[in-house]
């Protein structure tokens, strides 16, 4: 599966390496091209997953603000609920296309 924005693949991983949480595919850190992500200062804490880190996706001088996020240290109860450790996995939304 791939995450694509502005014609650039910004994340890619085999389906079995992805984690599906609340309608979003989370890509493993090893499948994410970090050079296209810029940390955002947007604060958010999910009531059951914990503190979230948002990222802007930046490709070719264009920026899609807060269109990626991860949980660097999800709550232990969230890992139990998902049945997998999704620390630092990255999900995408807004105008980032997820394709198979």
N, C-alpha and C. Protein backbone atom coordinates (compact mmCIF):
# COMPACT_ATOMS: atom_id res chain seq x y z
N UNK A 1 0.85 -1.17 0.00
CA UNK A 1 0.00 0.00 0.00
C UNK A 1 0.90 1.24 0.00
N UNK A 2 0.41 2.31 -0.58
CA UNK A 2 1.19 3.55 -0.67
C UNK A 2 0.37 4.75 -0.19
N UNK A 3 1.09 5.74 0.34
CA UNK A 3 0.52 7.07 0.61
C UNK A 3 1.18 8.01 -0.39
N UNK A 4 0.36 8.72 -1.16
CA UNK A 4 0.87 9.57 -2.24
C UNK A 4 0.31 10.97 -2.08
N UNK A 5 1.20 11.95 -2.22
CA UNK A 5 0.75 13.34 -2.23
C UNK A 5 1.59 14.13 -3.22
N UNK A 6 0.92 14.97 -4.00
CA UNK A 6 1.58 15.82 -4.99
C UNK A 6 2.45 14.98 -5.94
N UNK A 7 1.97 13.78 -6.28
CA UNK A 7 2.67 12.91 -7.21
C UNK A 7 3.85 12.15 -6.62
N UNK A 8 4.07 12.28 -5.32
CA UNK A 8 5.22 11.65 -4.66
C UNK A 8 4.75 10.57 -3.68
N UNK A 9 5.37 9.40 -3.75
CA UNK A 9 5.10 8.36 -2.76
C UNK A 9 5.82 8.79 -1.48
N UNK A 10 5.04 8.98 -0.41
CA UNK A 10 5.64 9.43 0.85
C UNK A 10 5.69 8.32 1.90
N UNK A 11 4.97 7.22 1.63
CA UNK A 11 5.03 6.05 2.50
C UNK A 11 4.62 4.84 1.68
N UNK A 12 5.24 3.70 2.02
CA UNK A 12 4.95 2.47 1.28
C UNK A 12 5.26 1.28 2.18
N UNK A 13 4.34 0.33 2.21
CA UNK A 13 4.54 -0.88 3.01
C UNK A 13 3.60 -1.97 2.53
N UNK A 14 3.98 -3.21 2.82
CA UNK A 14 3.11 -4.35 2.52
C UNK A 14 1.89 -4.29 3.45
N UNK A 15 0.77 -4.75 2.95
CA UNK A 15 -0.47 -4.70 3.73
C UNK A 15 -0.32 -5.34 5.11
N UNK A 16 0.42 -6.44 5.20
CA UNK A 16 0.55 -7.13 6.48
C UNK A 16 1.38 -6.34 7.49
N UNK A 17 2.10 -5.30 7.03
CA UNK A 17 2.90 -4.46 7.93
C UNK A 17 2.14 -3.23 8.41
N UNK A 18 0.97 -2.97 7.84
CA UNK A 18 0.15 -1.82 8.22
C UNK A 18 -0.75 -2.19 9.41
N UNK A 19 -1.17 -1.17 10.13
CA UNK A 19 -2.12 -1.36 11.23
C UNK A 19 -3.33 -0.48 10.94
N UNK A 20 -4.52 -1.05 11.03
CA UNK A 20 -5.76 -0.32 10.73
C UNK A 20 -6.43 0.07 12.04
N UNK A 21 -6.55 1.38 12.28
CA UNK A 21 -7.15 1.88 13.50
C UNK A 21 -8.17 2.96 13.15
N UNK A 22 -9.38 2.77 13.58
CA UNK A 22 -10.46 3.76 13.41
C UNK A 22 -10.55 4.31 11.98
N UNK A 23 -10.50 3.43 11.00
CA UNK A 23 -10.67 3.83 9.61
C UNK A 23 -9.43 4.40 8.94
N UNK A 24 -8.28 4.32 9.60
CA UNK A 24 -7.03 4.84 9.03
C UNK A 24 -5.95 3.77 9.00
N UNK A 25 -5.19 3.76 7.91
CA UNK A 25 -4.05 2.87 7.79
C UNK A 25 -2.83 3.55 8.38
N UNK A 26 -2.18 2.87 9.30
CA UNK A 26 -0.95 3.37 9.92
C UNK A 26 0.24 2.63 9.31
N UNK A 27 1.17 3.40 8.75
CA UNK A 27 2.35 2.84 8.10
C UNK A 27 3.48 2.69 9.12
N UNK A 28 4.25 1.60 9.02
CA UNK A 28 5.37 1.42 9.95
C UNK A 28 6.43 2.49 9.70
N UNK A 29 7.16 2.88 10.73
CA UNK A 29 8.18 3.92 10.56
C UNK A 29 9.16 3.63 9.43
N UNK A 30 9.51 2.36 9.25
CA UNK A 30 10.47 1.99 8.20
C UNK A 30 9.93 2.23 6.79
N UNK A 31 8.61 2.35 6.64
CA UNK A 31 8.01 2.56 5.33
C UNK A 31 7.70 4.01 5.01
N UNK A 32 8.01 4.90 5.94
CA UNK A 32 7.68 6.32 5.76
C UNK A 32 8.94 7.09 5.37
N UNK A 33 8.83 7.88 4.32
CA UNK A 33 9.95 8.71 3.86
C UNK A 33 9.95 10.01 4.67
N UNK A 34 10.71 9.99 5.74
CA UNK A 34 10.72 11.09 6.71
C UNK A 34 11.10 12.44 6.09
N UNK A 35 11.83 12.43 4.99
CA UNK A 35 12.23 13.70 4.36
C UNK A 35 11.04 14.51 3.86
N UNK A 36 9.87 13.87 3.75
CA UNK A 36 8.67 14.58 3.29
C UNK A 36 7.76 15.01 4.44
N UNK A 37 8.19 14.73 5.67
CA UNK A 37 7.39 15.12 6.83
C UNK A 37 8.09 16.21 7.63
N UNK A 38 7.31 17.17 8.06
CA UNK A 38 7.81 18.28 8.88
C UNK A 38 6.94 18.34 10.14
N UNK A 39 7.56 18.27 11.30
CA UNK A 39 6.78 18.29 12.55
C UNK A 39 5.93 19.54 12.64
N UNK A 40 4.71 19.34 13.12
CA UNK A 40 3.76 20.43 13.32
C UNK A 40 3.66 20.72 14.82
N UNK A 41 3.32 21.96 15.14
CA UNK A 41 3.11 22.34 16.53
C UNK A 41 1.66 22.14 16.97
N UNK A 42 0.81 21.63 16.08
CA UNK A 42 -0.59 21.44 16.41
C UNK A 42 -0.73 20.42 17.54
N UNK A 43 -1.32 20.83 18.66
CA UNK A 43 -1.46 19.91 19.79
C UNK A 43 -2.73 19.05 19.68
N UNK A 44 -2.61 17.80 20.08
CA UNK A 44 -3.79 16.95 20.17
C UNK A 44 -3.47 15.76 21.08
N UNK A 45 -4.41 15.43 21.92
CA UNK A 45 -4.30 14.23 22.74
C UNK A 45 -5.58 13.43 22.57
N UNK A 46 -5.45 12.22 22.08
CA UNK A 46 -6.59 11.33 21.92
C UNK A 46 -6.93 10.75 23.29
N UNK A 47 -8.21 10.70 23.65
CA UNK A 47 -8.57 10.19 24.97
C UNK A 47 -8.13 8.75 25.23
N UNK A 48 -8.03 7.95 24.18
CA UNK A 48 -7.64 6.56 24.44
C UNK A 48 -6.28 6.16 23.87
N UNK A 49 -5.75 6.94 22.89
CA UNK A 49 -4.45 6.60 22.32
C UNK A 49 -3.30 7.39 22.96
N UNK A 50 -3.57 8.61 23.42
CA UNK A 50 -2.54 9.42 24.06
C UNK A 50 -2.15 10.63 23.23
N UNK A 51 -0.94 11.13 23.48
CA UNK A 51 -0.45 12.36 22.83
C UNK A 51 -0.06 12.06 21.38
N UNK A 52 -0.60 12.89 20.50
CA UNK A 52 -0.40 12.75 19.06
C UNK A 52 0.64 13.76 18.56
N UNK A 53 1.42 13.35 17.57
CA UNK A 53 2.33 14.27 16.87
C UNK A 53 1.82 14.43 15.45
N UNK A 54 1.44 15.65 15.08
CA UNK A 54 1.03 15.92 13.71
C UNK A 54 2.25 16.30 12.87
N UNK A 55 2.11 16.08 11.56
CA UNK A 55 3.16 16.44 10.60
C UNK A 55 2.53 17.13 9.40
N UNK A 56 3.27 18.09 8.82
CA UNK A 56 2.92 18.64 7.52
C UNK A 56 3.61 17.74 6.50
N UNK A 57 2.95 17.50 5.37
CA UNK A 57 3.59 16.78 4.26
C UNK A 57 4.09 17.84 3.29
N UNK A 58 5.38 17.77 2.97
CA UNK A 58 6.01 18.78 2.12
C UNK A 58 6.67 18.08 0.93
N UNK A 59 6.21 18.44 -0.27
CA UNK A 59 6.75 17.87 -1.50
C UNK A 59 6.86 18.97 -2.55
N UNK A 60 8.02 19.09 -3.15
CA UNK A 60 8.20 20.05 -4.25
C UNK A 60 7.84 21.47 -3.88
N UNK A 61 8.13 21.87 -2.65
CA UNK A 61 7.85 23.22 -2.21
C UNK A 61 6.41 23.47 -1.82
N UNK A 62 5.55 22.46 -1.93
CA UNK A 62 4.15 22.58 -1.52
C UNK A 62 3.95 21.87 -0.20
N UNK A 63 3.03 22.38 0.61
CA UNK A 63 2.80 21.84 1.95
C UNK A 63 1.33 21.52 2.17
N UNK A 64 1.09 20.34 2.71
CA UNK A 64 -0.24 19.94 3.15
C UNK A 64 -0.18 19.90 4.67
N UNK A 65 -0.80 20.89 5.31
CA UNK A 65 -0.66 21.05 6.75
C UNK A 65 -1.42 19.98 7.55
N UNK A 66 -0.74 19.47 8.56
CA UNK A 66 -1.32 18.52 9.51
C UNK A 66 -2.00 17.33 8.83
N UNK A 67 -1.44 16.86 7.74
CA UNK A 67 -2.08 15.76 7.02
C UNK A 67 -1.48 14.39 7.34
N UNK A 68 -0.60 14.35 8.33
CA UNK A 68 -0.07 13.07 8.81
C UNK A 68 0.05 13.16 10.33
N UNK A 69 -0.03 12.01 10.99
CA UNK A 69 0.11 12.01 12.44
C UNK A 69 0.61 10.65 12.92
N UNK A 70 1.14 10.68 14.13
CA UNK A 70 1.57 9.44 14.77
C UNK A 70 1.46 9.59 16.28
N UNK A 71 1.63 8.48 16.95
CA UNK A 71 1.63 8.45 18.41
C UNK A 71 2.99 7.90 18.85
N UNK A 72 3.94 8.80 19.19
CA UNK A 72 5.28 8.35 19.57
C UNK A 72 5.28 7.42 20.78
N UNK A 73 4.40 7.68 21.73
CA UNK A 73 4.30 6.85 22.93
C UNK A 73 2.83 6.63 23.28
N UNK A 74 2.16 5.73 22.53
CA UNK A 74 0.75 5.50 22.82
C UNK A 74 0.56 4.93 24.23
N UNK A 75 -0.59 5.18 24.78
CA UNK A 75 -0.91 4.64 26.10
C UNK A 75 -0.85 3.11 26.06
N UNK A 76 -0.35 2.48 27.13
CA UNK A 76 -0.31 1.02 27.17
C UNK A 76 -1.67 0.39 26.92
N UNK A 77 -2.72 1.00 27.42
CA UNK A 77 -4.07 0.46 27.21
C UNK A 77 -4.47 0.53 25.73
N UNK A 78 -3.94 1.51 24.99
CA UNK A 78 -4.23 1.62 23.55
C UNK A 78 -3.55 0.48 22.79
N UNK A 79 -2.32 0.17 23.16
CA UNK A 79 -1.60 -0.94 22.53
C UNK A 79 -2.35 -2.24 22.80
N UNK A 80 -2.83 -2.41 24.01
CA UNK A 80 -3.61 -3.60 24.35
C UNK A 80 -4.90 -3.65 23.52
N UNK A 81 -5.54 -2.51 23.37
CA UNK A 81 -6.82 -2.44 22.63
C UNK A 81 -6.62 -2.77 21.15
N UNK A 82 -5.51 -2.28 20.56
CA UNK A 82 -5.24 -2.51 19.14
C UNK A 82 -4.59 -3.88 18.92
N UNK A 83 -4.02 -4.43 19.95
CA UNK A 83 -3.32 -5.73 19.90
C UNK A 83 -2.01 -5.66 19.14
N UNK A 84 -1.49 -4.45 18.96
CA UNK A 84 -0.18 -4.26 18.33
C UNK A 84 0.40 -2.94 18.82
N UNK A 85 1.72 -2.91 18.90
CA UNK A 85 2.40 -1.68 19.28
C UNK A 85 2.50 -0.78 18.05
N UNK A 86 1.78 0.31 18.04
CA UNK A 86 1.77 1.23 16.89
C UNK A 86 2.58 2.49 17.16
N UNK A 87 3.51 2.42 18.08
CA UNK A 87 4.40 3.56 18.37
C UNK A 87 5.10 4.03 17.10
N UNK A 88 4.99 5.31 16.82
CA UNK A 88 5.64 5.97 15.69
C UNK A 88 5.13 5.53 14.31
N UNK A 89 4.09 4.72 14.26
CA UNK A 89 3.47 4.43 12.97
C UNK A 89 2.79 5.72 12.51
N UNK A 90 2.72 5.93 11.21
CA UNK A 90 2.20 7.20 10.67
C UNK A 90 0.95 6.96 9.84
N UNK A 91 -0.09 7.75 10.12
CA UNK A 91 -1.32 7.71 9.34
C UNK A 91 -1.46 9.03 8.58
N UNK A 92 -2.26 8.99 7.52
CA UNK A 92 -2.43 10.16 6.65
C UNK A 92 -3.91 10.41 6.41
N UNK A 93 -4.23 11.66 6.09
CA UNK A 93 -5.60 12.02 5.76
C UNK A 93 -5.61 13.24 4.88
N UNK A 94 -6.76 13.87 4.80
CA UNK A 94 -7.01 15.03 3.95
C UNK A 94 -6.69 14.69 2.49
N UNK A 95 -5.74 15.37 1.88
CA UNK A 95 -5.50 15.19 0.45
C UNK A 95 -4.41 14.16 0.13
N UNK A 96 -3.96 13.41 1.12
CA UNK A 96 -3.01 12.32 0.86
C UNK A 96 -3.80 11.09 0.42
N UNK A 97 -3.44 10.55 -0.72
CA UNK A 97 -4.15 9.39 -1.28
C UNK A 97 -3.52 8.10 -0.79
N UNK A 98 -4.34 7.18 -0.30
CA UNK A 98 -3.87 5.86 0.10
C UNK A 98 -4.31 4.89 -0.99
N UNK A 99 -3.35 4.21 -1.61
CA UNK A 99 -3.65 3.31 -2.72
C UNK A 99 -3.01 1.95 -2.49
N UNK A 100 -3.57 0.94 -3.13
CA UNK A 100 -2.99 -0.41 -3.04
C UNK A 100 -2.09 -0.67 -4.21
